[in-house]
Amino acid sequence: MAKNTPTATVVALTPARVSSVAAARYLGYEPQTLVNWRNLGKGPRFVRDGRPGSRVFYRVADLDAWLEEQAARSSAAV
């Protein structure tokens, strides 16, 4: 008779936030584009890691929401 052995559960985790470079890659833009957009107050929402001038991160949920906002319903909407 076989003994009961614990079964490992595999959970795929998606990071809640990503670096600016990873966010650019995810969106299909160059990292400098995100820098420009941040300076212009455009683009997806971002968060800083601490004080002003510190590292910038993007929440994956914000990237997805921004992409959804960019979806055009027709050619006339572009």
Protein backbone atom coordinates (compact mmCIF):
# COMPACT_ATOMS: atom_id res chain seq x y z
CA MET A 1 0.00 0.00 0.00
CA ALA A 2 1.38 3.42 -0.99
CA LYS A 3 2.07 6.04 1.64
CA ASN A 4 0.44 9.43 1.38
CA THR A 5 3.11 11.80 0.14
CA PRO A 6 2.70 15.55 0.01
CA THR A 7 2.03 16.95 -3.44
CA ALA A 8 3.78 20.13 -4.47
CA THR A 9 1.53 22.86 -5.79
CA VAL A 10 2.94 25.00 -8.56
CA VAL A 11 1.77 28.58 -8.66
CA ALA A 12 2.71 30.85 -11.54
CA LEU A 13 3.33 34.34 -10.20
CA THR A 14 3.16 37.41 -12.36
CA PRO A 15 5.08 40.30 -10.87
CA ALA A 16 2.86 43.06 -9.58
CA ARG A 17 5.34 45.65 -10.78
CA VAL A 18 8.07 45.73 -13.38
CA SER A 19 11.03 47.95 -14.19
CA SER A 20 10.80 50.73 -16.72
CA VAL A 21 12.79 48.67 -19.24
CA ALA A 22 10.51 45.64 -18.77
CA ALA A 23 7.43 47.87 -19.07
CA ALA A 24 8.71 49.32 -22.35
CA ARG A 25 9.36 45.83 -23.69
CA TYR A 26 5.88 44.72 -22.57
CA LEU A 27 4.27 47.66 -24.39
CA GLY A 28 6.47 47.38 -27.48
CA TYR A 29 8.21 50.74 -27.08
CA GLU A 30 11.76 51.88 -26.43
CA PRO A 31 12.57 52.66 -22.78
CA GLN A 32 13.31 56.29 -23.72
CA THR A 33 9.73 56.64 -24.95
CA LEU A 34 8.46 55.94 -21.44
CA VAL A 35 10.95 58.47 -20.03
CA ASN A 36 9.65 61.07 -22.50
CA TRP A 37 6.04 60.27 -21.67
CA ARG A 38 6.70 60.57 -17.92
CA ASN A 39 8.25 64.00 -18.49
CA LEU A 40 5.22 65.05 -20.55
CA GLY A 41 2.68 63.59 -18.11
CA LYS A 42 1.55 61.04 -20.69
CA GLY A 43 1.56 57.26 -20.92
CA PRO A 44 0.73 54.65 -18.31
CA ARG A 45 0.71 55.38 -14.59
CA PHE A 46 3.96 54.68 -12.76
CA VAL A 47 5.29 54.61 -9.23
CA ARG A 48 8.60 55.70 -7.79
CA ASP A 49 10.50 53.57 -5.32
CA GLY A 50 10.88 56.16 -2.58
CA ARG A 51 11.86 59.77 -3.01
CA PRO A 52 11.70 61.84 -6.23
CA GLY A 53 14.48 60.85 -8.60
CA SER A 54 14.49 57.23 -7.42
CA ARG A 55 13.76 54.16 -9.55
CA VAL A 56 10.54 54.03 -11.53
CA PHE A 57 8.30 50.98 -11.67
CA TYR A 58 5.11 50.20 -13.52
CA ARG A 59 2.32 48.09 -12.10
CA VAL A 60 1.31 45.43 -14.61
CA ALA A 61 -2.35 46.22 -13.94
CA ASP A 62 -1.71 49.87 -14.92
CA LEU A 63 0.06 48.80 -18.13
CA ASP A 64 -2.88 46.58 -19.06
CA ALA A 65 -5.38 49.34 -18.24
CA TRP A 66 -3.44 51.84 -20.35
CA LEU A 67 -3.32 49.41 -23.28
CA GLU A 68 -7.07 48.92 -23.01
CA GLU A 69 -7.59 52.71 -23.07
CA GLN A 70 -5.53 52.91 -26.28
CA ALA A 71 -7.70 50.38 -28.12
CA ALA A 72 -9.41 52.07 -31.05
CA ARG A 73 -12.92 51.07 -32.07
CA SER A 74 -12.49 52.28 -35.66
CA SER A 75 -9.96 53.97 -37.95
CA ALA A 76 -11.79 57.25 -37.42
CA ALA A 77 -10.99 57.08 -33.70
CA VAL A 78 -7.24 57.16 -34.30
